[in-house]
PDB file of N, CA and C in Angstrom:
ATOM      1  N   MET A   1      -6.085 -11.662   0.968  1.00  0.00           N
ATOM      2  CA  MET A   1      -6.961 -10.832   1.861  1.00  0.00           C
ATOM      3  C   MET A   1      -8.204 -11.228   1.314  1.00  0.00           C
ATOM      4  N   GLY A   2      -9.068 -10.424   2.075  1.00  0.00           N
ATOM      5  CA  GLY A   2     -10.361 -10.810   1.542  1.00  0.00           C
ATOM      6  C   GLY A   2     -10.797  -9.297   0.711  1.00  0.00           C
ATOM      7  N   ASP A   3     -12.233  -9.650   1.004  1.00  0.00           N
ATOM      8  CA  ASP A   3     -12.383  -8.387  -0.370  1.00  0.00           C
ATOM      9  C   ASP A   3     -12.281  -7.324  -0.161  1.00  0.00           C
ATOM     10  N   THR A   4     -12.542  -5.867  -1.299  1.00  0.00           N
ATOM     11  CA  THR A   4     -11.229  -4.484  -1.419  1.00  0.00           C
ATOM     12  C   THR A   4     -12.993  -3.599  -0.599  1.00  0.00           C
ATOM     13  N   ILE A   5     -12.722  -2.780  -0.208  1.00  0.00           N
ATOM     14  CA  ILE A   5     -13.548  -2.270   0.342  1.00  0.00           C
ATOM     15  C   ILE A   5     -13.115  -0.418   0.451  1.00  0.00           C
ATOM     16  N   GLY A   6     -13.895   0.313  -0.089  1.00  0.00           N
ATOM     17  CA  GLY A   6     -13.434   2.100  -0.401  1.00  0.00           C
ATOM     18  C   GLY A   6     -13.575   2.207   1.489  1.00  0.00           C
ATOM     19  N   GLN A   7     -12.914   3.881   1.201  1.00  0.00           N
ATOM     20  CA  GLN A   7     -12.719   4.181   2.715  1.00  0.00           C
ATOM     21  C   GLN A   7     -14.428   4.691   2.679  1.00  0.00           C
ATOM     22  N   ARG A   8     -14.596   5.099   1.774  1.00  0.00           N
ATOM     23  CA  ARG A   8     -15.984   5.861   1.833  1.00  0.00           C
ATOM     24  C   ARG A   8     -17.369   4.515   2.581  1.00  0.00           C
ATOM     25  N   GLU A   9     -16.938   3.477   1.899  1.00  0.00           N
ATOM     26  CA  GLU A   9     -17.848   2.090   1.604  1.00  0.00           C
ATOM     27  C   GLU A   9     -17.398   1.835   3.585  1.00  0.00           C
ATOM     28  N   LEU A  10     -16.771   2.506   3.813  1.00  0.00           N
ATOM     29  CA  LEU A  10     -16.453   1.352   5.547  1.00  0.00           C
ATOM     30  C   LEU A  10     -16.971   2.495   6.274  1.00  0.00           C
ATOM     31  N   ARG A  11     -16.740   3.607   5.853  1.00  0.00           N
ATOM     32  CA  ARG A  11     -17.381   5.001   6.801  1.00  0.00           C
ATOM     33  C   ARG A  11     -18.715   5.026   6.776  1.00  0.00           C
ATOM     34  N   ASN A  12     -19.656   4.209   5.898  1.00  0.00           N
ATOM     35  CA  ASN A  12     -21.286   4.372   5.573  1.00  0.00           C
ATOM     36  C   ASN A  12     -21.987   3.018   6.165  1.00  0.00           C
ATOM     37  N   ASP A  13     -20.881   2.234   5.928  1.00  0.00           N
ATOM     38  CA  ASP A  13     -21.468   0.639   6.525  1.00  0.00           C
ATOM     39  C   ASP A  13     -20.449  -0.072   7.658  1.00  0.00           C
ATOM     40  N   SER A  14     -19.900   0.643   8.371  1.00  0.00           N
ATOM     41  CA  SER A  14     -18.799   0.495   9.371  1.00  0.00           C
ATOM     42  C   SER A  14     -19.515  -0.417  10.362  1.00  0.00           C
ATOM     43  N   GLY A  15     -20.951  -0.572  10.756  1.00  0.00           N
ATOM     44  CA  GLY A  15     -21.746  -1.713  11.240  1.00  0.00           C
ATOM     45  C   GLY A  15     -21.975  -2.942  10.922  1.00  0.00           C
ATOM     46  N   ALA A  16     -22.234  -2.699   9.694  1.00  0.00           N
ATOM     47  CA  ALA A  16     -21.889  -4.061   9.187  1.00  0.00           C
ATOM     48  C   ALA A  16     -20.805  -5.274   8.473  1.00  0.00           C
ATOM     49  N   ILE A  17     -20.046  -3.967   8.404  1.00  0.00           N
ATOM     50  CA  ILE A  17     -18.326  -4.786   8.007  1.00  0.00           C
ATOM     51  C   ILE A  17     -17.466  -5.088   9.372  1.00  0.00           C
ATOM     52  N   MET A  18     -18.272  -4.245  10.110  1.00  0.00           N
ATOM     53  CA  MET A  18     -17.183  -4.579  11.886  1.00  0.00           C
ATOM     54  C   MET A  18     -18.531  -5.957  11.919  1.00  0.00           C
ATOM     55  N   ARG A  19     -19.280  -6.208  11.701  1.00  0.00           N
ATOM     56  CA  ARG A  19     -20.292  -7.465  11.899  1.00  0.00           C
ATOM     57  C   ARG A  19     -19.229  -8.750  11.378  1.00  0.00           C
ATOM     58  N   ARG A  20     -19.483  -8.311   9.783  1.00  0.00           N
ATOM     59  CA  ARG A  20     -18.395  -9.350   9.140  1.00  0.00           C
ATOM     60  C   ARG A  20     -17.301 -10.024   9.573  1.00  0.00           C
ATOM     61  N   VAL A  21     -16.424  -9.007   9.950  1.00  0.00           N
ATOM     62  CA  VAL A  21     -14.905  -8.897  10.912  1.00  0.00           C
ATOM     63  C   VAL A  21     -15.251  -9.625  12.162  1.00  0.00           C
ATOM     64  N   GLU A  22     -16.299  -9.647  12.737  1.00  0.00           N
ATOM     65  CA  GLU A  22     -16.262 -10.527  13.940  1.00  0.00           C
ATOM     66  C   GLU A  22     -16.977 -11.883  13.661  1.00  0.00           C
ATOM     67  N   GLN A  23     -16.775 -12.246  12.250  1.00  0.00           N
ATOM     68  CA  GLN A  23     -17.256 -13.663  11.866  1.00  0.00           C
ATOM     69  C   GLN A  23     -16.203 -14.198  11.004  1.00  0.00           C
ATOM     70  N   GLY A  24     -15.093 -12.925  10.847  1.00  0.00           N
ATOM     71  CA  GLY A  24     -13.905 -14.171  10.574  1.00  0.00           C
ATOM     72  C   GLY A  24     -13.109 -13.327   9.059  1.00  0.00           C
ATOM     73  N   GLU A  25     -14.200 -11.981   8.719  1.00  0.00           N
ATOM     74  CA  GLU A  25     -13.535 -11.864   7.279  1.00  0.00           C
ATOM     75  C   GLU A  25     -12.787 -10.920   7.606  1.00  0.00           C
ATOM     76  N   SER A  26     -12.144 -10.668   6.331  1.00  0.00           N
ATOM     77  CA  SER A  26     -10.555  -9.536   6.201  1.00  0.00           C
ATOM     78  C   SER A  26     -11.313  -8.757   4.932  1.00  0.00           C
ATOM     79  N   PHE A  27     -10.680  -7.269   5.043  1.00  0.00           N
ATOM     80  CA  PHE A  27     -10.804  -6.325   4.201  1.00  0.00           C
ATOM     81  C   PHE A  27      -9.538  -5.592   3.873  1.00  0.00           C
ATOM     82  N   VAL A  28      -9.574  -5.380   2.303  1.00  0.00           N
ATOM     83  CA  VAL A  28      -8.202  -4.771   2.132  1.00  0.00           C
ATOM     84  C   VAL A  28      -9.210  -3.137   1.914  1.00  0.00           C
ATOM     85  N   VAL A  29      -8.283  -1.662   2.640  1.00  0.00           N
ATOM     86  CA  VAL A  29      -9.141  -0.173   2.766  1.00  0.00           C
ATOM     87  C   VAL A  29      -8.747   0.118   1.988  1.00  0.00           C
ATOM     88  N   THR A  30      -9.262   0.950   0.726  1.00  0.00           N
ATOM     89  CA  THR A  30      -8.355   1.758   0.009  1.00  0.00           C
ATOM     90  C   THR A  30      -8.812   2.921  -0.009  1.00  0.00           C
ATOM     91  N   ARG A  31      -8.142   4.073  -0.704  1.00  0.00           N
ATOM     92  CA  ARG A  31      -8.585   5.454  -0.944  1.00  0.00           C
ATOM     93  C   ARG A  31      -8.555   5.468  -2.052  1.00  0.00           C
ATOM     94  N   ASN A  32      -8.644   5.900  -2.738  1.00  0.00           N
ATOM     95  CA  ASN A  32      -8.434   6.425  -4.166  1.00  0.00           C
ATOM     96  C   ASN A  32      -7.814   5.533  -4.844  1.00  0.00           C
ATOM     97  N   GLY A  33      -8.948   4.211  -4.723  1.00  0.00           N
ATOM     98  CA  GLY A  33      -8.296   3.159  -5.623  1.00  0.00           C
ATOM     99  C   GLY A  33      -7.058   2.905  -5.141  1.00  0.00           C
ATOM    100  N   ARG A  34      -5.918   3.048  -3.996  1.00  0.00           N
ATOM    101  CA  ARG A  34      -4.849   2.629  -3.948  1.00  0.00           C
ATOM    102  C   ARG A  34      -5.441   1.587  -2.323  1.00  0.00           C
ATOM    103  N   PRO A  35      -4.635   0.354  -1.894  1.00  0.00           N
ATOM    104  CA  PRO A  35      -4.469  -0.436  -0.550  1.00  0.00           C
ATOM    105  C   PRO A  35      -4.183   0.677   0.147  1.00  0.00           C
ATOM    106  N   VAL A  36      -4.718   0.998   1.370  1.00  0.00           N
ATOM    107  CA  VAL A  36      -3.897   1.692   2.526  1.00  0.00           C
ATOM    108  C   VAL A  36      -3.651   1.036   3.698  1.00  0.00           C
ATOM    109  N   ALA A  37      -4.935  -0.099   3.988  1.00  0.00           N
ATOM    110  CA  ALA A  37      -5.044  -0.697   5.270  1.00  0.00           C
ATOM    111  C   ALA A  37      -5.372  -1.905   5.299  1.00  0.00           C
ATOM    112  N   ASP A  38      -5.490  -3.095   6.489  1.00  0.00           N
ATOM    113  CA  ASP A  38      -6.112  -3.960   5.947  1.00  0.00           C
ATOM    114  C   ASP A  38      -6.751  -4.588   7.578  1.00  0.00           C
ATOM    115  N   LEU A  39      -8.319  -4.493   7.095  1.00  0.00           N
ATOM    116  CA  LEU A  39      -8.759  -4.529   8.282  1.00  0.00           C
ATOM    117  C   LEU A  39      -9.090  -6.433   8.438  1.00  0.00           C
ATOM    118  N   VAL A  40      -8.837  -6.690   9.645  1.00  0.00           N
ATOM    119  CA  VAL A  40      -8.919  -8.442   9.931  1.00  0.00           C
ATOM    120  C   VAL A  40      -9.129  -8.256  11.433  1.00  0.00           C
ATOM    121  N   PRO A  41      -9.773  -9.846  11.486  1.00  0.00           N
ATOM    122  CA  PRO A  41     -10.087  -9.700  12.906  1.00  0.00           C
ATOM    123  C   PRO A  41      -8.997  -9.824  13.945  1.00  0.00           C
ATOM    124  N   HIS A  42      -9.585  -9.434  15.074  1.00  0.00           N
ATOM    125  CA  HIS A  42      -8.404  -9.079  16.048  1.00  0.00           C
ATOM    126  C   HIS A  42      -7.632 -10.161  16.539  1.00  0.00           C
ATOM    127  N   ALA A  43      -6.645 -11.032  16.699  1.00  0.00           N
ATOM    128  CA  ALA A  43      -6.144 -12.423  16.683  1.00  0.00           C
ATOM    129  C   ALA A  43      -6.138 -12.074  18.632  1.00  0.00           C
ATOM    130  N   ARG A  44      -6.783 -12.763  19.421  1.00  0.00           N
ATOM    131  CA  ARG A  44      -6.946 -12.884  21.122  1.00  0.00           C
ATOM    132  C   ARG A  44      -5.768 -13.520  21.937  1.00  0.00           C
ATOM    133  N   PRO A  45      -5.091 -13.777  22.407  1.00  0.00           N
ATOM    134  CA  PRO A  45      -4.208 -14.495  22.695  1.00  0.00           C
ATOM    135  C   PRO A  45      -4.584 -15.565  23.742  1.00  0.00           C
ATOM    136  N   HIS A  46      -6.344 -15.569  24.005  1.00  0.00           N
ATOM    137  CA  HIS A  46      -7.081 -17.148  24.512  1.00  0.00           C
ATOM    138  C   HIS A  46      -7.071 -17.333  23.607  1.00  0.00           C
ATOM    139  N   ASP A  47      -6.835 -17.369  22.251  1.00  0.00           N
ATOM    140  CA  ASP A  47      -7.725 -18.167  21.104  1.00  0.00           C
ATOM    141  C   ASP A  47      -6.692 -19.013  20.905  1.00  0.00           C
ATOM    142  N   GLU A  48      -5.201 -19.153  20.684  1.00  0.00           N
ATOM    143  CA  GLU A  48      -3.970 -19.624  20.437  1.00  0.00           C
ATOM    144  C   GLU A  48      -3.779 -20.805  21.906  1.00  0.00           C
ATOM    145  N   PRO A  49      -4.031 -21.772  21.034  1.00  0.00           N
ATOM    146  CA  PRO A  49      -3.992 -23.177  22.372  1.00  0.00           C
ATOM    147  C   PRO A  49      -2.751 -22.604  23.413  1.00  0.00           C
ATOM    148  N   ARG A  50      -2.867 -23.094  24.539  1.00  0.00           N
ATOM    149  CA  ARG A  50      -2.333 -22.912  26.184  1.00  0.00           C
ATOM    150  C   ARG A  50      -1.104 -23.884  25.565  1.00  0.00           C
ATOM    151  N   ARG A  51       0.040 -23.595  26.022  1.00  0.00           N
ATOM    152  CA  ARG A  51       1.198 -25.347  25.693  1.00  0.00           C
ATOM    153  C   ARG A  51       1.187 -25.144  27.559  1.00  0.00           C
ATOM    154  N   THR A  52       1.238 -26.644  27.663  1.00  0.00           N
ATOM    155  CA  THR A  52       2.333 -26.615  29.073  1.00  0.00           C
ATOM    156  C   THR A  52       3.316 -26.489  29.058  1.00  0.00           C
ATOM    157  N   LEU A  53       3.810 -26.666  30.115  1.00  0.00           N
ATOM    158  CA  LEU A  53       5.246 -26.237  30.916  1.00  0.00           C
ATOM    159  C   LEU A  53       6.347 -27.331  30.340  1.00  0.00           C
ATOM    160  N   GLY A  54       5.699 -28.691  30.024  1.00  0.00           N
ATOM    161  CA  GLY A  54       6.713 -29.410  29.943  1.00  0.00           C
ATOM    162  C   GLY A  54       6.728 -29.629  27.924  1.00  0.00           C
ATOM    163  N   GLU A  55       5.918 -29.182  27.343  1.00  0.00           N
ATOM    164  CA  GLU A  55       5.975 -28.803  25.662  1.00  0.00           C
ATOM    165  C   GLU A  55       6.912 -27.537  25.696  1.00  0.00           C
ATOM    166  N   LEU A  56       6.547 -26.449  26.644  1.00  0.00           N
ATOM    167  CA  LEU A  56       8.035 -25.290  26.334  1.00  0.00           C
ATOM    168  C   LEU A  56       8.841 -25.793  26.668  1.00  0.00           C
ATOM    169  N   GLN A  57       9.145 -26.635  27.830  1.00  0.00           N
ATOM    170  CA  GLN A  57      10.516 -27.426  27.788  1.00  0.00           C
ATOM    171  C   GLN A  57      11.134 -27.878  26.956  1.00  0.00           C
ATOM    172  N   HIS A  58      10.593 -29.198  26.019  1.00  0.00           N
ATOM    173  CA  HIS A  58      10.760 -29.734  25.061  1.00  0.00           C
ATOM    174  C   HIS A  58      10.884 -28.576  23.947  1.00  0.00           C
ATOM    175  N   LEU A  59      10.170 -27.802  23.501  1.00  0.00           N
ATOM    176  CA  LEU A  59      10.471 -27.046  22.800  1.00  0.00           C
ATOM    177  C   LEU A  59      12.121 -26.246  22.492  1.00  0.00           C
ATOM    178  N   PHE A  60      11.791 -25.899  24.063  1.00  0.00           N
ATOM    179  CA  PHE A  60      13.179 -24.855  24.267  1.00  0.00           C
ATOM    180  C   PHE A  60      14.987 -25.605  24.464  1.00  0.00           C
ATOM    181  N   ARG A  61      14.534 -27.100  24.910  1.00  0.00           N
ATOM    182  CA  ARG A  61      15.406 -28.006  24.660  1.00  0.00           C
ATOM    183  C   ARG A  61      16.337 -28.443  23.005  1.00  0.00           C
ATOM    184  N   GLU A  62      15.185 -27.918  21.902  1.00  0.00           N
ATOM    185  CA  GLU A  62      15.132 -28.555  20.825  1.00  0.00           C
ATOM    186  C   GLU A  62      16.123 -26.748  20.466  1.00  0.00           C
ATOM    187  N   LEU A  63      16.100 -26.542  20.495  1.00  0.00           N
ATOM    188  CA  LEU A  63      17.185 -24.493  19.909  1.00  0.00           C
ATOM    189  C   LEU A  63      17.904 -25.241  20.430  1.00  0.00           C
ATOM    190  N   PRO A  64      19.120 -24.340  19.500  1.00  0.00           N
ATOM    191  CA  PRO A  64      20.327 -24.491  19.485  1.00  0.00           C
ATOM    192  C   PRO A  64      21.196 -24.015  20.214  1.00  0.00           C
ATOM    193  N   PRO A  65      22.350 -24.805  20.676  1.00  0.00           N
ATOM    194  CA  PRO A  65      23.165 -23.390  21.578  1.00  0.00           C
ATOM    195  C   PRO A  65      23.014 -22.182  21.354  1.00  0.00           C
ATOM    196  N   VAL A  66      23.469 -21.806  22.635  1.00  0.00           N
ATOM    197  CA  VAL A  66      23.554 -20.336  22.389  1.00  0.00           C
ATOM    198  C   VAL A  66      25.252 -19.939  22.686  1.00  0.00           C
ATOM    199  N   ASP A  67      25.600 -19.465  21.565  1.00  0.00           N
ATOM    200  CA  ASP A  67      27.163 -19.551  21.810  1.00  0.00           C
ATOM    201  C   ASP A  67      27.570 -17.917  22.459  1.00  0.00           C
ATOM    202  N   ALA A  68      27.689 -18.168  24.127  1.00  0.00           N
ATOM    203  CA  ALA A  68      27.679 -17.100  24.598  1.00  0.00           C
ATOM    204  C   ALA A  68      28.854 -15.865  24.375  1.00  0.00           C
ATOM    205  N   ALA A  69      30.024 -16.021  23.951  1.00  0.00           N
ATOM    206  CA  ALA A  69      31.476 -15.476  23.225  1.00  0.00           C
ATOM    207  C   ALA A  69      30.528 -14.976  22.066  1.00  0.00           C
ATOM    208  N   ARG A  70      30.144 -15.399  21.649  1.00  0.00           N
ATOM    209  CA  ARG A  70      29.895 -14.956  19.869  1.00  0.00           C
ATOM    210  C   ARG A  70      28.798 -13.590  20.317  1.00  0.00           C
ATOM    211  N   TRP A  71      27.827 -14.312  20.910  1.00  0.00           N
ATOM    212  CA  TRP A  71      26.114 -13.305  21.381  1.00  0.00           C
ATOM    213  C   TRP A  71      27.170 -11.777  21.991  1.00  0.00           C
ATOM    214  N   ARG A  72      28.128 -12.010  22.815  1.00  0.00           N
ATOM    215  CA  ARG A  72      28.905 -10.592  23.330  1.00  0.00           C
ATOM    216  C   ARG A  72      29.615  -9.888  22.538  1.00  0.00           C
ATOM    217  N   ALA A  73      30.326 -11.011  21.448  1.00  0.00           N
ATOM    218  CA  ALA A  73      30.873  -9.906  20.428  1.00  0.00           C
ATOM    219  C   ALA A  73      30.039  -9.413  19.688  1.00  0.00           C
ATOM    220  N   GLU A  74      29.130  -9.966  19.648  1.00  0.00           N
ATOM    221  CA  GLU A  74      28.061  -9.108  18.109  1.00  0.00           C
ATOM    222  C   GLU A  74      27.253  -7.681  18.926  1.00  0.00           C
ATOM    223  N   ARG A  75      27.096  -8.146  20.454  1.00  0.00           N
ATOM    224  CA  ARG A  75      26.669  -7.297  20.832  1.00  0.00           C
ATOM    225  C   ARG A  75      27.257  -5.431  21.013  1.00  0.00           C
ATOM    226  N   THR A  76      28.369  -6.436  21.406  1.00  0.00           N
ATOM    227  CA  THR A  76      29.283  -5.245  21.356  1.00  0.00           C
ATOM    228  C   THR A  76      29.310  -4.467  20.088  1.00  0.00           C
ATOM    229  N   GLU A  77      29.447  -5.043  19.153  1.00  0.00           N
ATOM    230  CA  GLU A  77      29.569  -4.552  17.902  1.00  0.00           C
ATOM    231  C   GLU A  77      28.716  -3.356  17.447  1.00  0.00           C
ATOM    232  N   ALA A  78      27.402  -3.992  17.699  1.00  0.00           N
ATOM    233  CA  ALA A  78      26.242  -3.048  17.451  1.00  0.00           C
ATOM    234  C   ALA A  78      26.016  -2.111  18.279  1.00  0.00           C
ATOM    235  N   ASP A  79      26.660  -2.051  19.992  1.00  0.00           N
ATOM    236  CA  ASP A  79      26.550  -1.035  20.435  1.00  0.00           C
ATOM    237  C   ASP A  79      27.722  -0.406  20.145  1.00  0.00           C
ATOM    238  N   GLU A  80      28.776  -0.520  19.429  1.00  0.00           N
ATOM    239  CA  GLU A  80      29.775   0.287  18.909  1.00  0.00           C
ATOM    240  C   GLU A  80      29.190   1.155  17.611  1.00  0.00           C
ATOM    241  N   LEU A  81      28.158   0.536  16.787  1.00  0.00           N
ATOM    242  CA  LEU A  81      27.850   1.013  15.524  1.00  0.00           C
ATOM    243  C   LEU A  81      26.559   1.981  16.307  1.00  0.00           C
ATOM    244  N   LEU A  82      25.223   1.061  16.734  1.00  0.00           N
ATOM    245  CA  LEU A  82      24.532   1.714  17.366  1.00  0.00           C
ATOM    246  C   LEU A  82      24.658   2.674  18.710  1.00  0.00           C
ATOM    247  N   GLY A  83      25.224   2.810  19.372  1.00  0.00           N
ATOM    248  CA  GLY A  83      25.173   3.288  20.621  1.00  0.00           C
ATOM    249  C   GLY A  83      24.685   2.161  21.902  1.00  0.00           C
ATOM    250  N   ASP A  84      25.026   2.558  22.984  1.00  0.00           N
ATOM    251  CA  ASP A  84      24.687   1.266  23.826  1.00  0.00           C
ATOM    252  C   ASP A  84      22.900   1.157  24.217  1.00  0.00           C
ATOM    253  N   ASP A  85      22.454   0.715  24.565  1.00  0.00           N
ATOM    254  CA  ASP A  85      20.570   0.725  24.765  1.00  0.00           C
ATOM    255  C   ASP A  85      20.350   1.031  25.753  1.00  0.00           C
ATOM    256  N   ASP A  86      20.918   1.804  27.105  1.00  0.00           N
ATOM    257  CA  ASP A  86      20.745   1.535  28.279  1.00  0.00           C
ATOM    258  C   ASP A  86      20.264   3.117  28.233  1.00  0.00           C
ATOM    259  N   PRO A  87      19.103   3.632  28.522  1.00  0.00           N
ATOM    260  CA  PRO A  87      18.590   5.333  28.406  1.00  0.00           C
ATOM    261  C   PRO A  87      18.829   5.398  29.966  1.00  0.00           C
ATOM    262  N   ILE A  88      19.320   4.873  30.678  1.00  0.00           N
ATOM    263  CA  ILE A  88      19.992   5.631  31.797  1.00  0.00           C
ATOM    264  C   ILE A  88      21.448   6.031  31.643  1.00  0.00           C
ATOM    265  N   THR A  89      22.048   5.748  31.199  1.00  0.00           N
ATOM    266  CA  THR A  89      23.531   6.087  30.817  1.00  0.00           C
ATOM    267  C   THR A  89      23.707   7.048  30.027  1.00  0.00           C
TER     268      THR A  89
END
């Protein structure tokens, strides 16, 4: 993480700090000397490279096969322990 700034500094210099964040800097915000938050640039979905359909299909083909019987058994076990996750029933 980047520089450490106090809550008061963030409040008093928010404009300058936000401009620095826009330029890619990160901060750990503290209150009474204790870290309470990370101030980081927002990751926008369009910043990530888009993959083609062919690339995605290739990635999915490389995944291990799903054992449907094992999945159902694990789901049933979880439902018995935690309850059904269907909010309608």
